Amino acid sequence: MNSFISEKIQNKLTHNFKCFCSYQYWPNNVLELCNFLKNKNIFKDYNCLIEQLNNLFGGICFKCGREQNETDLQNVDIEGFCPIKFEHFICEDCIQSETSNNIECTICKIQHKYLLKDF
């Protein structure tokens, strides 16, 4: 499995990865896959895994799930449970339209309370 991941998938893994078997992995499925691989020691270096996740999800708003230019997103602090602690970002539209900072994350599919890092 380790060689399959490193040779066939690792360089092609995206936030909406389509497997060779034609299964479409959406962001929450990709996170589950990475968590599984971490638990099975396929990703031996945790920092490498976090870097990979930050690269995968760095251009996605965790609230609306839309892909954005990374410069149009703001980094947020997540409070509460998160299966793997990677960077979460939110777009300006979601900041402006949101009345609560308690949101179901489109990546984790878990309710997150967030704080903008600007404040």
C-alpha atoms as a PDB file:
ATOM      1  CA  MET A   1       0.000   0.000   0.000  1.00  0.00           C
ATOM      2  CA  ASN A   2       2.831   2.351   0.861  1.00  0.00           C
ATOM      3  CA  SER A   3       4.443   1.974  -2.566  1.00  0.00           C
ATOM      4  CA  PHE A   4       1.056   2.322  -4.295  1.00  0.00           C
ATOM      5  CA  ILE A   5       0.423   5.608  -2.491  1.00  0.00           C
ATOM      6  CA  SER A   6       3.912   6.976  -3.059  1.00  0.00           C
ATOM      7  CA  GLU A   7       4.176   5.873  -6.704  1.00  0.00           C
ATOM      8  CA  LYS A   8       0.631   6.213  -8.028  1.00  0.00           C
ATOM      9  CA  ILE A   9      -1.289   8.692  -5.895  1.00  0.00           C
ATOM     10  CA  GLN A  10       0.935  11.040  -3.893  1.00  0.00           C
ATOM     11  CA  ASN A  11       1.802  13.440  -6.692  1.00  0.00           C
ATOM     12  CA  LYS A  12      -1.713  13.308  -8.138  1.00  0.00           C
ATOM     13  CA  LEU A  13      -3.718  13.720  -4.925  1.00  0.00           C
ATOM     14  CA  THR A  14      -5.983  16.755  -5.138  1.00  0.00           C
ATOM     15  CA  HIS A  15      -8.843  18.055  -2.997  1.00  0.00           C
ATOM     16  CA  ASN A  16     -11.276  16.405  -5.455  1.00  0.00           C
ATOM     17  CA  PHE A  17      -9.204  13.332  -6.286  1.00  0.00           C
ATOM     18  CA  LYS A  18     -10.582  10.778  -8.728  1.00  0.00           C
ATOM     19  CA  CYS A  19      -9.239   7.309  -7.987  1.00  0.00           C
ATOM     20  CA  PHE A  20      -8.192   4.763 -10.589  1.00  0.00           C
ATOM     21  CA  CYS A  21     -11.353   2.833  -9.677  1.00  0.00           C
ATOM     22  CA  SER A  22     -13.342   5.966 -10.729  1.00  0.00           C
ATOM     23  CA  TYR A  23     -14.461   6.817  -7.177  1.00  0.00           C
ATOM     24  CA  GLN A  24     -14.577  10.593  -6.698  1.00  0.00           C
ATOM     25  CA  TYR A  25     -13.003  11.737  -3.435  1.00  0.00           C
ATOM     26  CA  TRP A  26     -14.446  15.063  -2.266  1.00  0.00           C
ATOM     27  CA  PRO A  27     -12.509  17.163   0.273  1.00  0.00           C
ATOM     28  CA  ASN A  28     -13.948  15.368   3.314  1.00  0.00           C
ATOM     29  CA  ASN A  29     -13.149  11.986   1.703  1.00  0.00           C
ATOM     30  CA  VAL A  30      -9.577  13.093   0.937  1.00  0.00           C
ATOM     31  CA  LEU A  31      -9.177  14.111   4.579  1.00  0.00           C
ATOM     32  CA  GLU A  32     -10.530  10.706   5.684  1.00  0.00           C
ATOM     33  CA  LEU A  33      -8.117   8.978   3.284  1.00  0.00           C
ATOM     34  CA  CYS A  34      -5.168  10.971   4.631  1.00  0.00           C
ATOM     35  CA  ASN A  35      -6.243  10.241   8.220  1.00  0.00           C
ATOM     36  CA  PHE A  36      -6.457   6.525   7.365  1.00  0.00           C
ATOM     37  CA  LEU A  37      -3.006   6.621   5.775  1.00  0.00           C
ATOM     38  CA  LYS A  38      -1.608   8.406   8.832  1.00  0.00           C
ATOM     39  CA  ASN A  39      -3.143   5.812  11.163  1.00  0.00           C
ATOM     40  CA  LYS A  40      -1.654   2.993   9.061  1.00  0.00           C
ATOM     41  CA  ASN A  41       1.781   4.694   9.173  1.00  0.00           C
ATOM     42  CA  ILE A  42       1.826   5.270   5.418  1.00  0.00           C
ATOM     43  CA  PHE A  43       2.558   8.926   6.153  1.00  0.00           C
ATOM     44  CA  LYS A  44       5.398   8.400   8.592  1.00  0.00           C
ATOM     45  CA  ASP A  45       6.210  12.099   8.914  1.00  0.00           C
ATOM     46  CA  TYR A  46       3.299  14.001  10.479  1.00  0.00           C
ATOM     47  CA  ASN A  47       4.722  17.369   9.405  1.00  0.00           C
ATOM     48  CA  CYS A  48       4.861  16.133   5.803  1.00  0.00           C
ATOM     49  CA  LEU A  49       1.202  15.113   6.057  1.00  0.00           C
ATOM     50  CA  ILE A  50       0.197  18.541   7.409  1.00  0.00           C
ATOM     51  CA  GLU A  51       2.154  20.235   4.629  1.00  0.00           C
ATOM     52  CA  GLN A  52       0.383  18.034   2.065  1.00  0.00           C
ATOM     53  CA  LEU A  53      -3.048  18.884   3.542  1.00  0.00           C
ATOM     54  CA  ASN A  54      -2.225  22.592   3.638  1.00  0.00           C
ATOM     55  CA  ASN A  55      -1.297  22.388  -0.046  1.00  0.00           C
ATOM     56  CA  LEU A  56      -4.470  20.462  -0.891  1.00  0.00           C
ATOM     57  CA  PHE A  57      -6.913  22.654   1.017  1.00  0.00           C
ATOM     58  CA  GLY A  58      -5.085  26.006   0.976  1.00  0.00           C
ATOM     59  CA  GLY A  59      -7.251  27.338  -1.837  1.00  0.00           C
ATOM     60  CA  ILE A  60     -10.633  26.179  -0.521  1.00  0.00           C
ATOM     61  CA  CYS A  61     -13.022  28.103   1.698  1.00  0.00           C
ATOM     62  CA  PHE A  62     -13.893  25.759   4.555  1.00  0.00           C
ATOM     63  CA  LYS A  63     -17.420  27.235   4.777  1.00  0.00           C
ATOM     64  CA  CYS A  64     -18.698  27.317   1.188  1.00  0.00           C
ATOM     65  CA  GLY A  65     -16.211  24.836  -0.291  1.00  0.00           C
ATOM     66  CA  ARG A  66     -15.468  27.004  -3.322  1.00  0.00           C
ATOM     67  CA  GLU A  67     -12.004  27.078  -4.753  1.00  0.00           C
ATOM     68  CA  GLN A  68     -10.505  30.558  -4.508  1.00  0.00           C
ATOM     69  CA  ASN A  69      -7.251  32.321  -5.143  1.00  0.00           C
ATOM     70  CA  GLU A  70      -5.255  31.856  -1.927  1.00  0.00           C
ATOM     71  CA  THR A  71      -4.789  35.626  -1.636  1.00  0.00           C
ATOM     72  CA  ASP A  72      -8.584  36.027  -1.404  1.00  0.00           C
ATOM     73  CA  LEU A  73      -8.846  33.747   1.630  1.00  0.00           C
ATOM     74  CA  GLN A  74      -8.209  34.472   5.287  1.00  0.00           C
ATOM     75  CA  ASN A  75      -6.599  31.998   7.628  1.00  0.00           C
ATOM     76  CA  VAL A  76      -8.703  31.158  10.697  1.00  0.00           C
ATOM     77  CA  ASP A  77      -8.101  29.533  14.070  1.00  0.00           C
ATOM     78  CA  ILE A  78     -10.294  26.489  14.632  1.00  0.00           C
ATOM     79  CA  GLU A  79     -11.577  25.701  18.116  1.00  0.00           C
ATOM     80  CA  GLY A  80     -12.744  22.242  19.081  1.00  0.00           C
ATOM     81  CA  PHE A  81     -12.257  18.857  17.475  1.00  0.00           C
ATOM     82  CA  CYS A  82     -10.382  18.579  14.198  1.00  0.00           C
ATOM     83  CA  PRO A  83      -9.116  15.103  13.162  1.00  0.00           C
ATOM     84  CA  ILE A  84      -5.872  16.510  11.763  1.00  0.00           C
ATOM     85  CA  LYS A  85      -4.726  20.054  12.563  1.00  0.00           C
ATOM     86  CA  PHE A  86      -4.208  21.658   9.157  1.00  0.00           C
ATOM     87  CA  GLU A  87      -4.814  25.269   8.098  1.00  0.00           C
ATOM     88  CA  HIS A  88      -8.418  26.345   7.461  1.00  0.00           C
ATOM     89  CA  PHE A  89      -9.303  29.334   5.269  1.00  0.00           C
ATOM     90  CA  ILE A  90     -12.481  31.354   4.697  1.00  0.00           C
ATOM     91  CA  CYS A  91     -13.442  33.617   1.793  1.00  0.00           C
ATOM     92  CA  GLU A  92     -14.516  37.240   2.116  1.00  0.00           C
ATOM     93  CA  ASP A  93     -18.071  36.463   0.939  1.00  0.00           C
ATOM     94  CA  CYS A  94     -18.552  33.959   3.769  1.00  0.00           C
ATOM     95  CA  ILE A  95     -17.106  36.382   6.315  1.00  0.00           C
ATOM     96  CA  GLN A  96     -19.524  39.098   5.209  1.00  0.00           C
ATOM     97  CA  SER A  97     -22.600  36.861   5.038  1.00  0.00           C
ATOM     98  CA  GLU A  98     -22.058  34.894   8.245  1.00  0.00           C
ATOM     99  CA  THR A  99     -23.793  35.883  11.458  1.00  0.00           C
ATOM    100  CA  SER A 100     -22.280  33.089  13.530  1.00  0.00           C
ATOM    101  CA  ASN A 101     -18.748  31.779  13.764  1.00  0.00           C
ATOM    102  CA  ASN A 102     -20.025  28.214  14.266  1.00  0.00           C
ATOM    103  CA  ILE A 103     -19.916  26.468  10.880  1.00  0.00           C
ATOM    104  CA  GLU A 104     -19.962  22.947   9.460  1.00  0.00           C
ATOM    105  CA  CYS A 105     -16.641  22.605   7.680  1.00  0.00           C
ATOM    106  CA  THR A 106     -16.961  21.415   4.067  1.00  0.00           C
ATOM    107  CA  ILE A 107     -13.581  19.709   4.377  1.00  0.00           C
ATOM    108  CA  CYS A 108     -13.932  17.929   7.738  1.00  0.00           C
ATOM    109  CA  LYS A 109     -17.755  17.683   7.810  1.00  0.00           C
ATOM    110  CA  ILE A 110     -17.472  18.663  11.483  1.00  0.00           C
ATOM    111  CA  GLN A 111     -18.914  21.699  13.249  1.00  0.00           C
ATOM    112  CA  HIS A 112     -16.114  24.214  13.851  1.00  0.00           C
ATOM    113  CA  LYS A 113     -16.033  27.429  15.786  1.00  0.00           C
ATOM    114  CA  TYR A 114     -13.584  29.764  14.133  1.00  0.00           C
ATOM    115  CA  LEU A 115     -11.813  33.024  14.871  1.00  0.00           C
ATOM    116  CA  LEU A 116     -10.292  35.269  12.228  1.00  0.00           C
ATOM    117  CA  LYS A 117      -6.568  35.632  12.835  1.00  0.00           C
ATOM    118  CA  ASP A 118      -6.712  39.364  12.048  1.00  0.00           C
ATOM    119  CA  PHE A 119      -8.421  40.216  15.331  1.00  0.00           C
END
